[in-house]
């Protein structure tokens, strides 16, 4: 053992002191032995040498104070549990030559924020980043083929993931309870997605890759943000696993089941509250709920344009087919518009509604539908909602929103939108704040003369009870409350009052007491206005 300025020099042989804080590994060491630094609670920094090839199992497990460690470019293998529960490790760069990354290698590294997976890693093994609840960015390299069980479970700060085209398998519970995960990009080469893979996430729409032939509802069963699911016609079986027997997606509205597929349990949808609104007879407790499944299996019977719009992301010829299908030839020189393009399916949706829910919308298809069927812009589905609402909810590209807004302005200039209802729906259906802001921005910028009683919206949202599972996210609620009083505050133009009300908004309780806090804020604002009015009269 040798010490230089309180730095312990590790030679691969001597036992590491329990109270070590700084470590430099000797140039002669080519591998870190199993458990070499296990449970060194005070160790803060480790310097590894070039020439190191392998970090063995549990090597730095439970080094709770470890903040900094460099992984040399020569390292080819990092073993199981090697950095398990290194709670303060906030950054690590994996070498490009890394070939093996073990199970739970970074399990519960709660300070880790970003990770870049090198191209030599073909498999993200079980629990590798489990519980890394500050992880906000993952970069996968081409070459990755499988993401294993629990790999990113409870990475609840992670907002989005883009998967490489080489990926084939997304394992069981791989991203379960990543409750900020709202955007995923899955390539069409994925062949298997196992149950629980995205369970408990905040996805709004999901497109099953075309090579996946079995749709297990457990993949995303408990996802109350989910509005739309796209299944390809290649799906041959829809089933549930033993743990999750039904979908619990309260916001699910847009889904179709390929007519030829086998449904293992026809009551899969009995916990999908919004779907049950479209089929009111299924609300009877004695009903076995097969009505929903049967209707979804035959959703597009005699509705070719609806079908083209739902499956368009799987079909390179969809645009051409839509052009052809919207016209019916009545003679050699004459044709008429196909009337089915303005009909409503079993969910009350027109083709424009369906396209607005798509994960891969085509702007040219929007233009065709709007030109041929302009009345569908203001047609309401069984929930009373119009295509623009779904385009905003499902985060359609800006060019789509702009086209729809322009079309409403030109074709239906007198149409009055139910802005209050749309905001309420989004708030109750767990929509992200960004989506609600986009809706309000559309109102303010494109339809400034239309009315929206935000105070009434906020008052009603404040009254929602938690046991109905409708409580609005606190940040969303605070945003809406601020928006509801902004104009009145601007009129008062008193900085001190603005600060006081902002402090009150910031202090609003998350659940119990929200109604009372909200009422008190509006009462204070009323009082300020009375004071201002009295001052003006004097």
Protein backbone atom coordinates (compact mmCIF):
# COMPACT_ATOMS: atom_id res chain seq x y z
CA UNK A 1 0.00 0.00 0.00
CA UNK A 2 1.22 3.49 -0.83
CA UNK A 3 -0.33 6.91 -0.06
CA UNK A 4 0.33 10.17 -1.93
CA UNK A 5 -1.37 13.27 -0.61
CA UNK A 6 -4.30 11.27 0.82
CA UNK A 7 -4.74 9.33 -2.42
CA UNK A 8 -4.82 5.56 -2.07
CA UNK A 9 -2.87 3.79 -4.82
CA UNK A 10 -4.60 0.53 -5.69
CA UNK A 11 -2.26 -2.17 -7.00
CA UNK A 12 -4.82 -4.94 -7.50
CA UNK A 13 -3.58 -6.91 -4.50
CA UNK A 14 -3.83 -4.93 -1.27
CA UNK A 15 -7.18 -4.56 0.46
CA UNK A 16 -8.78 -1.15 0.11
CA UNK A 17 -9.18 0.72 3.45
CA UNK A 18 -12.75 1.26 4.64
CA UNK A 19 -12.25 5.03 5.03
CA UNK A 20 -10.64 5.69 1.65
CA UNK A 21 -11.82 8.89 -0.11
CA UNK A 22 -9.63 9.21 -3.23
CA UNK A 23 -8.18 6.36 -5.30
CA UNK A 24 -5.71 6.08 -8.14
CA UNK A 25 -5.41 2.68 -9.78
CA UNK A 26 -1.83 1.72 -10.69
CA UNK A 27 -0.86 1.51 -14.37
CA UNK A 28 -0.02 -2.18 -13.96
CA UNK A 29 -3.62 -3.14 -13.11
CA UNK A 30 -5.59 -4.61 -16.03
CA UNK A 31 -8.75 -5.57 -14.14
CA UNK A 32 -10.60 -4.45 -11.01
CA UNK A 33 -11.37 -7.49 -8.89
CA UNK A 34 -14.84 -8.44 -7.73
CA UNK A 35 -15.97 -6.36 -4.75
CA UNK A 36 -12.62 -4.57 -4.67
CA UNK A 37 -14.21 -1.27 -3.60
CA UNK A 38 -17.58 -2.63 -2.49
CA UNK A 39 -19.28 -0.55 0.21
CA UNK A 40 -16.51 2.07 0.54
CA UNK A 41 -18.98 4.66 1.78
CA UNK A 42 -16.59 7.62 1.91
CA UNK A 43 -14.91 7.18 -1.46
CA UNK A 44 -15.51 10.26 -3.64
CA UNK A 45 -13.22 9.94 -6.65
CA UNK A 46 -11.46 7.15 -8.57
CA UNK A 47 -8.84 7.51 -11.30
CA UNK A 48 -8.51 4.49 -13.60
CA UNK A 49 -5.51 3.99 -15.94
CA UNK A 50 -5.41 3.41 -19.68
CA UNK A 51 -4.72 -0.28 -20.19
CA UNK A 52 -7.48 -1.39 -17.82
CA UNK A 53 -9.59 -4.02 -19.60
CA UNK A 54 -12.21 -5.27 -17.17
CA UNK A 55 -14.23 -4.07 -14.17
CA UNK A 56 -15.59 -7.16 -12.44
CA UNK A 57 -18.89 -7.80 -10.65
CA UNK A 58 -19.74 -5.60 -7.65
CA UNK A 59 -16.45 -3.74 -8.00
CA UNK A 60 -17.83 -0.36 -6.90
CA UNK A 61 -21.15 -1.51 -5.49
CA UNK A 62 -22.73 0.73 -2.85
CA UNK A 63 -20.05 3.40 -2.97
CA UNK A 64 -22.67 5.92 -1.94
CA UNK A 65 -20.37 8.97 -2.01
CA UNK A 66 -18.67 8.26 -5.35
CA UNK A 67 -19.09 11.27 -7.64
CA UNK A 68 -16.35 10.97 -10.23
CA UNK A 69 -14.78 8.04 -12.04
CA UNK A 70 -13.23 7.88 -15.50
CA UNK A 71 -13.69 4.75 -17.60
CA UNK A 72 -10.56 4.33 -19.81
CA UNK A 73 -10.93 3.77 -23.54
CA UNK A 74 -9.36 0.31 -23.15
CA UNK A 75 -12.14 -1.11 -20.94
CA UNK A 76 -14.09 -3.85 -22.74
CA UNK A 77 -16.23 -5.25 -19.91
CA UNK A 78 -18.14 -3.82 -16.96
CA UNK A 79 -19.57 -6.56 -14.74
CA UNK A 80 -22.87 -7.15 -12.96
CA UNK A 81 -23.76 -4.68 -10.17
CA UNK A 82 -20.43 -2.94 -10.76
CA UNK A 83 -21.75 0.54 -9.85
CA UNK A 84 -24.94 -0.56 -8.11
CA UNK A 85 -26.34 2.15 -5.77
CA UNK A 86 -23.59 4.68 -6.40
CA UNK A 87 -26.13 7.34 -5.50
CA UNK A 88 -23.98 10.42 -6.15
CA UNK A 89 -22.47 9.36 -9.47
CA UNK A 90 -23.88 12.07 -11.75
CA UNK A 91 -22.02 11.41 -14.97
CA UNK A 92 -20.10 8.61 -16.64
CA UNK A 93 -18.71 8.22 -20.16
CA UNK A 94 -18.69 4.67 -21.47
CA UNK A 95 -15.80 3.91 -23.87
CA UNK A 96 -16.57 3.23 -27.51
CA UNK A 97 -14.79 -0.13 -27.33
CA UNK A 98 -17.00 -1.49 -24.53
CA UNK A 99 -18.39 -4.94 -25.42
CA UNK A 100 -20.11 -6.16 -22.25
CA UNK A 101 -22.23 -4.24 -19.77
CA UNK A 102 -23.52 -6.41 -16.93
CA UNK A 103 -26.88 -6.76 -15.19
CA UNK A 104 -27.82 -3.89 -12.90
CA UNK A 105 -24.48 -2.25 -13.63
CA UNK A 106 -25.88 1.19 -12.75
CA UNK A 107 -28.86 0.11 -10.69
CA UNK A 108 -30.26 2.98 -8.59
CA UNK A 109 -27.56 5.47 -9.55
CA UNK A 110 -29.95 8.22 -8.56
CA UNK A 111 -27.80 11.17 -9.68
CA UNK A 112 -27.00 9.88 -13.17
CA UNK A 113 -28.41 12.31 -15.76
CA UNK A 114 -27.18 11.18 -19.18
CA UNK A 115 -25.85 7.98 -20.71
CA UNK A 116 -24.51 7.11 -24.15
CA UNK A 117 -24.56 3.40 -25.00
CA UNK A 118 -21.54 2.46 -27.19
CA UNK A 119 -22.01 0.57 -30.51
CA UNK A 120 -20.42 -2.64 -29.21
CA UNK A 121 -23.26 -3.23 -26.72
CA UNK A 122 -25.85 -5.56 -28.26
CA UNK A 123 -27.95 -6.01 -25.15
CA UNK A 124 -29.03 -3.73 -22.30
CA UNK A 125 -29.28 -6.37 -19.61
CA UNK A 126 -31.74 -6.77 -16.79
CA UNK A 127 -32.10 -3.82 -14.44
CA UNK A 128 -29.09 -2.02 -15.87
CA UNK A 129 -30.44 1.48 -15.13
CA UNK A 130 -33.27 0.53 -12.79
CA UNK A 131 -34.33 3.39 -10.53
CA UNK A 132 -32.04 6.03 -12.08
CA UNK A 133 -34.68 8.62 -11.35
CA UNK A 134 -32.72 11.66 -12.56
CA UNK A 135 -31.83 10.18 -15.92
CA UNK A 136 -33.11 12.57 -18.58
CA UNK A 137 -31.25 11.53 -21.72
CA UNK A 138 -30.31 8.17 -23.26
CA UNK A 139 -28.49 7.77 -26.55
CA UNK A 140 -28.50 4.31 -28.11
CA UNK A 141 -26.04 3.34 -30.85
CA UNK A 142 -26.79 1.26 -33.90
CA UNK A 143 -25.94 -2.35 -33.08
CA UNK A 144 -28.15 -2.61 -30.01
CA UNK A 145 -30.55 -5.53 -30.46
CA UNK A 146 -32.28 -6.03 -27.14
CA UNK A 147 -33.36 -4.04 -24.10
CA UNK A 148 -33.84 -6.43 -21.19
CA UNK A 149 -36.25 -6.72 -18.32
CA UNK A 150 -36.43 -3.76 -15.90
CA UNK A 151 -33.62 -2.06 -17.82
CA UNK A 152 -35.00 1.47 -17.27
CA UNK A 153 -37.81 0.83 -14.81
CA UNK A 154 -38.65 3.85 -12.60
CA UNK A 155 -36.44 6.24 -14.58
CA UNK A 156 -39.16 8.73 -13.84
CA UNK A 157 -37.42 11.88 -15.12
CA UNK A 158 -36.92 10.45 -18.62
CA UNK A 159 -39.09 12.41 -21.13
CA UNK A 160 -38.35 10.71 -24.45
CA UNK A 161 -36.50 7.82 -26.07
CA UNK A 162 -35.39 7.21 -29.65
CA UNK A 163 -34.55 3.59 -30.40
CA UNK A 164 -32.00 2.51 -33.04
CA UNK A 165 -33.06 0.68 -36.20
CA UNK A 166 -31.04 -2.37 -35.10
CA UNK A 167 -33.28 -2.99 -32.07
CA UNK A 168 -35.33 -6.21 -32.18
CA UNK A 169 -36.66 -6.75 -28.63
CA UNK A 170 -37.99 -4.47 -25.89
CA UNK A 171 -38.19 -6.61 -22.78
CA UNK A 172 -40.60 -7.07 -19.92
CA UNK A 173 -41.15 -3.91 -17.87
CA UNK A 174 -38.20 -2.30 -19.66
CA UNK A 175 -39.56 1.24 -19.16
CA UNK A 176 -42.27 0.53 -16.60
CA UNK A 177 -43.32 3.47 -14.41
CA UNK A 178 -41.20 5.99 -16.28
CA UNK A 179 -43.96 8.41 -15.44
CA UNK A 180 -42.58 11.35 -17.44
CA UNK A 181 -41.95 9.31 -20.59
CA UNK A 182 -44.27 10.87 -23.16
CA UNK A 183 -42.50 10.35 -26.49
CA UNK A 184 -40.92 7.25 -27.99
CA UNK A 185 -39.63 6.64 -31.51
CA UNK A 186 -39.67 2.92 -32.35
CA UNK A 187 -38.27 1.72 -35.65
CA UNK A 188 -40.23 -0.72 -37.80
CA UNK A 189 -37.54 -3.41 -37.33
CA UNK A 190 -38.63 -4.17 -33.75
CA UNK A 191 -40.10 -7.68 -33.63
CA UNK A 192 -41.09 -8.18 -29.99
CA UNK A 193 -42.44 -5.89 -27.27
CA UNK A 194 -43.04 -7.78 -24.03
CA UNK A 195 -45.75 -7.08 -21.44
CA UNK A 196 -45.16 -4.16 -19.14
CA UNK A 197 -42.59 -2.57 -21.46
CA UNK A 198 -44.24 0.87 -21.26
CA UNK A 199 -46.67 0.26 -18.44
CA UNK A 200 -47.33 3.31 -16.27
CA UNK A 201 -45.77 5.80 -18.70
CA UNK A 202 -47.29 9.06 -19.98
CA UNK A 203 -47.56 8.16 -23.65
CA UNK A 204 -50.39 9.85 -25.54
CA UNK A 205 -50.18 7.73 -28.67
CA UNK A 206 -48.49 4.46 -29.50
CA UNK A 207 -47.77 2.82 -32.84
CA UNK A 208 -47.04 -0.89 -32.76
CA UNK A 209 -44.24 -1.76 -35.24
CA UNK A 210 -45.48 -3.83 -38.21
CA UNK A 211 -43.32 -6.89 -37.44
CA UNK A 212 -44.94 -7.35 -34.01
CA UNK A 213 -47.69 -9.92 -34.45
CA UNK A 214 -48.89 -10.26 -30.86
CA UNK A 215 -50.29 -7.28 -29.00
CA UNK A 216 -50.21 -7.84 -25.25
CA UNK A 217 -52.28 -5.15 -23.56
CA UNK A 218 -49.90 -5.39 -20.61
CA UNK A 219 -47.34 -3.52 -22.70
CA UNK A 220 -49.01 -0.28 -21.66
CA UNK A 221 -52.06 -1.36 -19.67
CA UNK A 222 -51.89 1.22 -16.89
CA UNK A 223 -51.41 4.34 -18.98
CA UNK A 224 -54.13 6.88 -18.32
CA UNK A 225 -52.63 9.38 -20.78
CA UNK A 226 -53.02 7.08 -23.79
CA UNK A 227 -55.43 8.45 -26.41
CA UNK A 228 -54.55 6.47 -29.51
CA UNK A 229 -53.10 3.04 -30.30
CA UNK A 230 -52.21 2.05 -33.85
CA UNK A 231 -52.00 -1.67 -34.58
CA UNK A 232 -50.89 -2.96 -37.98
CA UNK A 233 -52.93 -5.48 -39.95
CA UNK A 234 -50.13 -7.97 -39.24
CA UNK A 235 -51.32 -8.38 -35.63
CA UNK A 236 -52.72 -11.90 -35.32
CA UNK A 237 -53.42 -12.07 -31.59
CA UNK A 238 -54.50 -9.66 -28.86
CA UNK A 239 -54.04 -10.97 -25.34
CA UNK A 240 -53.40 -10.12 -21.71
CA UNK A 241 -50.84 -11.59 -19.32
CA UNK A 242 -51.61 -13.18 -15.95
CA UNK A 243 -50.83 -10.04 -13.95
CA UNK A 244 -52.64 -7.48 -16.10
CA UNK A 245 -55.92 -8.84 -17.37
CA UNK A 246 -57.41 -5.64 -18.77
CA UNK A 247 -56.42 -2.27 -20.18
CA UNK A 248 -56.60 0.53 -17.62
CA UNK A 249 -56.30 3.36 -20.08
CA UNK A 250 -59.00 5.84 -19.10
CA UNK A 251 -58.26 8.23 -22.00
CA UNK A 252 -58.06 5.65 -24.81
CA UNK A 253 -60.29 6.59 -27.74
CA UNK A 254 -58.72 5.68 -31.06
CA UNK A 255 -57.94 2.00 -31.66
CA UNK A 256 -58.94 -0.64 -34.22
CA UNK A 257 -58.48 -4.40 -34.08
CA UNK A 258 -57.57 -6.24 -37.31
CA UNK A 259 -60.64 -8.35 -38.21
CA UNK A 260 -58.61 -11.51 -38.70
CA UNK A 261 -56.85 -11.40 -35.32
CA UNK A 262 -57.65 -13.67 -32.38
CA UNK A 263 -58.85 -11.98 -29.18
CA UNK A 264 -57.98 -14.11 -26.16
CA UNK A 265 -60.08 -12.11 -23.68
CA UNK A 266 -62.91 -10.06 -25.15
CA UNK A 267 -63.45 -8.02 -21.99
CA UNK A 268 -60.00 -6.42 -22.21
CA UNK A 269 -61.46 -2.92 -22.50
CA UNK A 270 -63.85 -2.97 -19.55
CA UNK A 271 -61.63 -0.53 -17.56
CA UNK A 272 -61.18 1.98 -20.38
CA UNK A 273 -63.54 4.71 -19.20
CA UNK A 274 -63.58 6.80 -22.37
CA UNK A 275 -64.19 3.79 -24.62
CA UNK A 276 -67.14 2.88 -22.46
CA UNK A 277 -68.58 6.36 -23.08
CA UNK A 278 -68.72 5.48 -26.78
CA UNK A 279 -70.55 2.25 -25.92
CA UNK A 280 -72.93 3.21 -23.10
CA UNK A 281 -74.62 -0.20 -22.98
CA UNK A 282 -71.38 -1.70 -21.66
CA UNK A 283 -71.70 0.31 -18.45
CA UNK A 284 -74.08 -2.34 -17.16
CA UNK A 285 -72.16 -4.44 -14.61
CA UNK A 286 -73.80 -7.61 -15.94
CA UNK A 287 -72.52 -6.95 -19.45
CA UNK A 288 -69.44 -8.95 -20.48
CA UNK A 289 -68.18 -6.02 -22.56
CA UNK A 290 -67.71 -8.01 -25.76
CA UNK A 291 -69.59 -5.21 -27.53
CA UNK A 292 -66.48 -3.01 -27.51
CA UNK A 293 -64.22 -5.73 -28.89
CA UNK A 294 -66.69 -6.75 -31.59
CA UNK A 295 -67.16 -3.13 -32.64
CA UNK A 296 -63.40 -2.49 -32.81
CA UNK A 297 -62.93 -5.63 -34.92
CA UNK A 298 -65.46 -4.30 -37.45
CA UNK A 299 -64.77 -0.61 -37.02
CA UNK A 300 -63.97 -0.01 -40.68
CA UNK A 301 -66.53 -2.28 -42.34
CA UNK A 302 -67.74 -0.41 -45.43
CA UNK A 303 -65.60 2.60 -44.47
CA UNK A 304 -62.56 2.39 -46.81
CA UNK A 305 -61.38 5.98 -46.24
CA UNK A 306 -61.40 5.57 -42.46
CA UNK A 307 -59.36 2.39 -42.87
CA UNK A 308 -56.79 4.05 -45.12
CA UNK A 309 -56.30 6.86 -42.60
CA UNK A 310 -55.88 4.52 -39.64
CA UNK A 311 -53.32 2.25 -41.34
CA UNK A 312 -51.60 4.97 -43.41
CA UNK A 313 -48.35 4.88 -41.40
CA UNK A 314 -47.87 1.23 -42.44
CA UNK A 315 -48.69 1.80 -46.09
CA UNK A 316 -46.40 3.59 -48.56
CA UNK A 317 -49.28 3.80 -51.06
CA UNK A 318 -51.74 5.38 -48.60
CA UNK A 319 -51.73 8.82 -50.25
CA UNK A 320 -52.45 7.39 -53.71
CA UNK A 321 -55.12 5.11 -52.28
CA UNK A 322 -56.79 8.01 -50.52
CA UNK A 323 -56.88 10.03 -53.75
CA UNK A 324 -58.55 7.11 -55.52
CA UNK A 325 -60.94 6.18 -52.69
CA UNK A 326 -62.38 9.67 -52.24
CA UNK A 327 -63.78 9.53 -55.78
CA UNK A 328 -66.46 7.21 -57.19
CA UNK A 329 -66.52 6.90 -60.94
CA UNK A 330 -70.05 7.15 -62.35
CA UNK A 331 -69.08 7.26 -66.03
CA UNK A 332 -66.01 7.47 -68.19
CA UNK A 333 -65.83 11.23 -67.75
CA UNK A 334 -67.66 11.83 -64.52
CA UNK A 335 -67.07 11.00 -60.89
CA UNK A 336 -68.46 12.05 -57.53
CA UNK A 337 -67.05 12.36 -54.05
CA UNK A 338 -67.26 9.17 -52.02
CA UNK A 339 -69.78 10.00 -49.26
CA UNK A 340 -68.22 7.57 -46.75
CA UNK A 341 -65.46 10.13 -46.17
CA UNK A 342 -67.84 12.19 -44.06
CA UNK A 343 -69.47 9.28 -42.28
CA UNK A 344 -68.76 8.49 -38.64
CA UNK A 345 -67.54 5.11 -37.40
CA UNK A 346 -68.56 3.31 -34.21
CA UNK A 347 -66.55 5.87 -32.19
CA UNK A 348 -68.17 8.79 -33.99
CA UNK A 349 -64.88 9.55 -35.74
CA UNK A 350 -64.46 10.72 -39.32
CA UNK A 351 -61.28 10.03 -41.33
CA UNK A 352 -60.05 13.50 -40.30
CA UNK A 353 -60.43 12.61 -36.61
CA UNK A 354 -58.43 9.42 -37.16
CA UNK A 355 -55.66 11.17 -39.07
CA UNK A 356 -55.42 13.77 -36.29
CA UNK A 357 -54.59 10.96 -33.84
CA UNK A 358 -51.85 9.45 -36.01
CA UNK A 359 -48.25 9.19 -34.81
CA UNK A 360 -47.01 9.76 -38.38
CA UNK A 361 -49.42 12.18 -40.04
CA UNK A 362 -49.07 13.16 -43.69
CA UNK A 363 -49.90 16.78 -44.45
CA UNK A 364 -51.00 15.93 -48.01
CA UNK A 365 -53.65 13.56 -46.65
CA UNK A 366 -55.00 16.34 -44.44
CA UNK A 367 -55.31 18.60 -47.47
CA UNK A 368 -57.24 15.97 -49.43
CA UNK A 369 -59.69 15.30 -46.60
CA UNK A 370 -60.28 18.99 -45.89
CA UNK A 371 -60.84 19.75 -49.58
CA UNK A 372 -63.20 16.82 -50.13
CA UNK A 373 -64.99 16.85 -46.78
CA UNK A 374 -64.78 20.36 -45.24
CA UNK A 375 -67.79 19.67 -43.01
CA UNK A 376 -65.80 17.08 -41.04
CA UNK A 377 -63.71 19.88 -39.52
CA UNK A 378 -66.60 20.67 -37.18
CA UNK A 379 -68.12 17.20 -36.79
CA UNK A 380 -67.99 15.87 -33.24
CA UNK A 381 -67.24 12.31 -32.23
CA UNK A 382 -68.95 10.43 -29.40
CA UNK A 383 -67.04 12.48 -26.83
CA UNK A 384 -68.11 15.73 -28.46
CA UNK A 385 -64.64 16.54 -29.82
CA UNK A 386 -63.43 17.79 -33.20
CA UNK A 387 -60.29 16.98 -35.26
CA UNK A 388 -58.32 20.09 -34.18
CA UNK A 389 -58.61 18.98 -30.56
CA UNK A 390 -57.06 15.57 -31.33
CA UNK A 391 -54.30 17.10 -33.42
CA UNK A 392 -53.27 19.25 -30.45
CA UNK A 393 -53.76 16.46 -27.89
CA UNK A 394 -51.69 13.98 -29.92
CA UNK A 395 -48.99 16.61 -30.52
CA UNK A 396 -49.30 16.84 -34.29
CA UNK A 397 -46.57 18.85 -36.09
CA UNK A 398 -46.95 22.63 -36.21
CA UNK A 399 -47.66 22.56 -39.95
CA UNK A 400 -50.69 20.34 -39.32
CA UNK A 401 -52.05 22.65 -36.60
CA UNK A 402 -51.48 25.67 -38.85
CA UNK A 403 -53.32 23.99 -41.75
CA UNK A 404 -56.28 23.08 -39.54
CA UNK A 405 -56.50 26.57 -38.00
CA UNK A 406 -56.36 28.17 -41.45
CA UNK A 407 -59.08 25.80 -42.68
CA UNK A 408 -61.39 26.61 -39.77
CA UNK A 409 -60.86 30.32 -40.36
CA UNK A 410 -61.64 30.10 -44.09
CA UNK A 411 -64.29 27.39 -44.20
CA UNK A 412 -66.06 27.85 -40.86
CA UNK A 413 -65.36 31.45 -39.78
CA UNK A 414 -68.34 31.58 -37.41
CA UNK A 415 -67.67 28.30 -35.65
CA UNK A 416 -67.44 28.67 -31.87
CA UNK A 417 -65.02 26.26 -30.24
CA UNK A 418 -65.66 24.86 -26.77
CA UNK A 419 -62.31 26.02 -25.40
CA UNK A 420 -63.33 25.55 -21.77
CA UNK A 421 -64.45 21.99 -22.45
CA UNK A 422 -61.27 21.13 -24.33
CA UNK A 423 -59.06 22.52 -21.55
CA UNK A 424 -61.05 20.61 -18.95
CA UNK A 425 -60.77 17.37 -20.91
CA UNK A 426 -57.01 17.69 -21.28
CA UNK A 427 -56.59 18.56 -17.60
CA UNK A 428 -58.67 15.60 -16.46
CA UNK A 429 -56.99 13.20 -18.89
CA UNK A 430 -53.45 13.76 -17.62
CA UNK A 431 -52.29 15.71 -20.68
CA UNK A 432 -48.87 17.32 -20.42
CA UNK A 433 -48.71 20.98 -19.55
CA UNK A 434 -47.05 21.63 -22.94
CA UNK A 435 -50.18 20.35 -24.71
CA UNK A 436 -52.50 22.53 -22.65
CA UNK A 437 -50.27 25.52 -23.30
CA UNK A 438 -50.42 24.77 -27.03
CA UNK A 439 -54.22 24.70 -26.91
CA UNK A 440 -54.43 28.02 -25.04
CA UNK A 441 -51.85 29.54 -27.40
CA UNK A 442 -54.01 28.48 -30.36
CA UNK A 443 -56.98 30.23 -28.77
CA UNK A 444 -55.06 33.43 -28.00
CA UNK A 445 -53.18 33.70 -31.30
CA UNK A 446 -55.70 32.39 -33.83
CA UNK A 447 -59.11 32.93 -32.24
CA UNK A 448 -58.62 35.89 -29.86
CA UNK A 449 -62.25 37.02 -30.08
CA UNK A 450 -63.67 33.71 -28.86
CA UNK A 451 -64.49 33.28 -25.19
CA UNK A 452 -63.05 30.91 -22.63
CA UNK A 453 -64.01 31.14 -18.96
CA UNK A 454 -60.74 29.97 -17.42
CA UNK A 455 -61.85 30.87 -13.91
CA UNK A 456 -64.80 28.52 -14.23
CA UNK A 457 -62.48 25.80 -15.57
CA UNK A 458 -60.07 26.24 -12.66
CA UNK A 459 -62.90 26.30 -10.11
CA UNK A 460 -64.28 23.01 -11.43
CA UNK A 461 -60.83 21.40 -11.58
CA UNK A 462 -60.18 22.46 -7.98
CA UNK A 463 -63.29 20.55 -6.93
CA UNK A 464 -62.17 17.24 -8.43
CA UNK A 465 -61.62 14.54 -5.84
CA UNK A 466 -58.60 12.32 -5.73
CA UNK A 467 -60.54 9.09 -5.21
CA UNK A 468 -62.06 9.58 -8.68
CA UNK A 469 -58.49 9.57 -10.02
CA UNK A 470 -59.10 12.85 -11.84
CA UNK A 471 -56.91 15.19 -9.83
CA UNK A 472 -55.08 17.62 -12.12
CA UNK A 473 -51.29 17.77 -12.00
CA UNK A 474 -50.27 20.58 -9.65
CA UNK A 475 -48.04 22.39 -12.16
CA UNK A 476 -50.81 22.30 -14.75
CA UNK A 477 -53.29 23.58 -12.19
CA UNK A 478 -51.01 26.44 -11.17
CA UNK A 479 -50.49 27.41 -14.81
CA UNK A 480 -54.23 27.52 -15.47
CA UNK A 481 -54.85 29.50 -12.30
CA UNK A 482 -52.22 32.07 -13.30
CA UNK A 483 -53.68 32.28 -16.80
CA UNK A 484 -57.16 32.83 -15.36
CA UNK A 485 -56.12 35.94 -13.42
CA UNK A 486 -53.43 37.43 -15.70
CA UNK A 487 -55.71 39.92 -17.46
CA UNK A 488 -57.21 41.14 -14.17
CA UNK A 489 -53.77 41.48 -12.60
CA UNK A 490 -52.52 43.44 -15.60
CA UNK A 491 -55.47 45.82 -15.18
CA UNK A 492 -54.62 46.36 -11.51
CA UNK A 493 -50.97 47.11 -12.35
CA UNK A 494 -49.82 46.83 -8.72
CA UNK A 495 -46.55 44.93 -8.38
CA UNK A 496 -46.97 44.15 -4.67
CA UNK A 497 -50.35 42.49 -5.23
CA UNK A 498 -48.97 40.47 -8.13
CA UNK A 499 -46.15 39.12 -5.93
CA UNK A 500 -48.58 38.26 -3.13
CA UNK A 501 -50.89 36.35 -5.46
CA UNK A 502 -47.96 34.55 -7.08
CA UNK A 503 -46.82 33.43 -3.62
CA UNK A 504 -50.34 32.17 -2.93
CA UNK A 505 -50.41 30.22 -6.21
CA UNK A 506 -47.01 28.69 -5.47
CA UNK A 507 -48.27 27.61 -2.06
CA UNK A 508 -51.39 25.82 -3.31
CA UNK A 509 -51.64 22.34 -1.84
CA UNK A 510 -51.36 19.41 -4.23
CA UNK A 511 -54.50 17.52 -3.18
CA UNK A 512 -56.30 18.19 0.07
CA UNK A 513 -57.17 21.87 0.44
CA UNK A 514 -56.76 22.82 -3.21
CA UNK A 515 -60.39 23.94 -3.50
CA UNK A 516 -60.12 26.18 -0.44
CA UNK A 517 -56.77 27.64 -1.55
CA UNK A 518 -58.19 28.47 -4.98
CA UNK A 519 -61.27 30.13 -3.55
CA UNK A 520 -59.05 32.24 -1.26
CA UNK A 521 -56.93 33.44 -4.21
CA UNK A 522 -59.94 34.56 -6.21
CA UNK A 523 -61.37 36.25 -3.10
CA UNK A 524 -58.11 38.15 -2.57
CA UNK A 525 -58.13 39.27 -6.19
CA UNK A 526 -61.73 40.49 -5.80
CA UNK A 527 -60.62 42.43 -2.71
CA UNK A 528 -57.74 44.08 -4.57
CA UNK A 529 -60.10 45.12 -7.37
CA UNK A 530 -62.51 46.63 -4.82
CA UNK A 531 -59.65 48.57 -3.24
CA UNK A 532 -58.49 49.79 -6.64
CA UNK A 533 -62.00 50.80 -7.62
CA UNK A 534 -62.51 52.66 -4.35
CA UNK A 535 -59.22 54.51 -4.83
CA UNK A 536 -60.20 55.49 -8.37
CA UNK A 537 -63.58 56.86 -7.22
CA UNK A 538 -61.91 58.99 -4.54
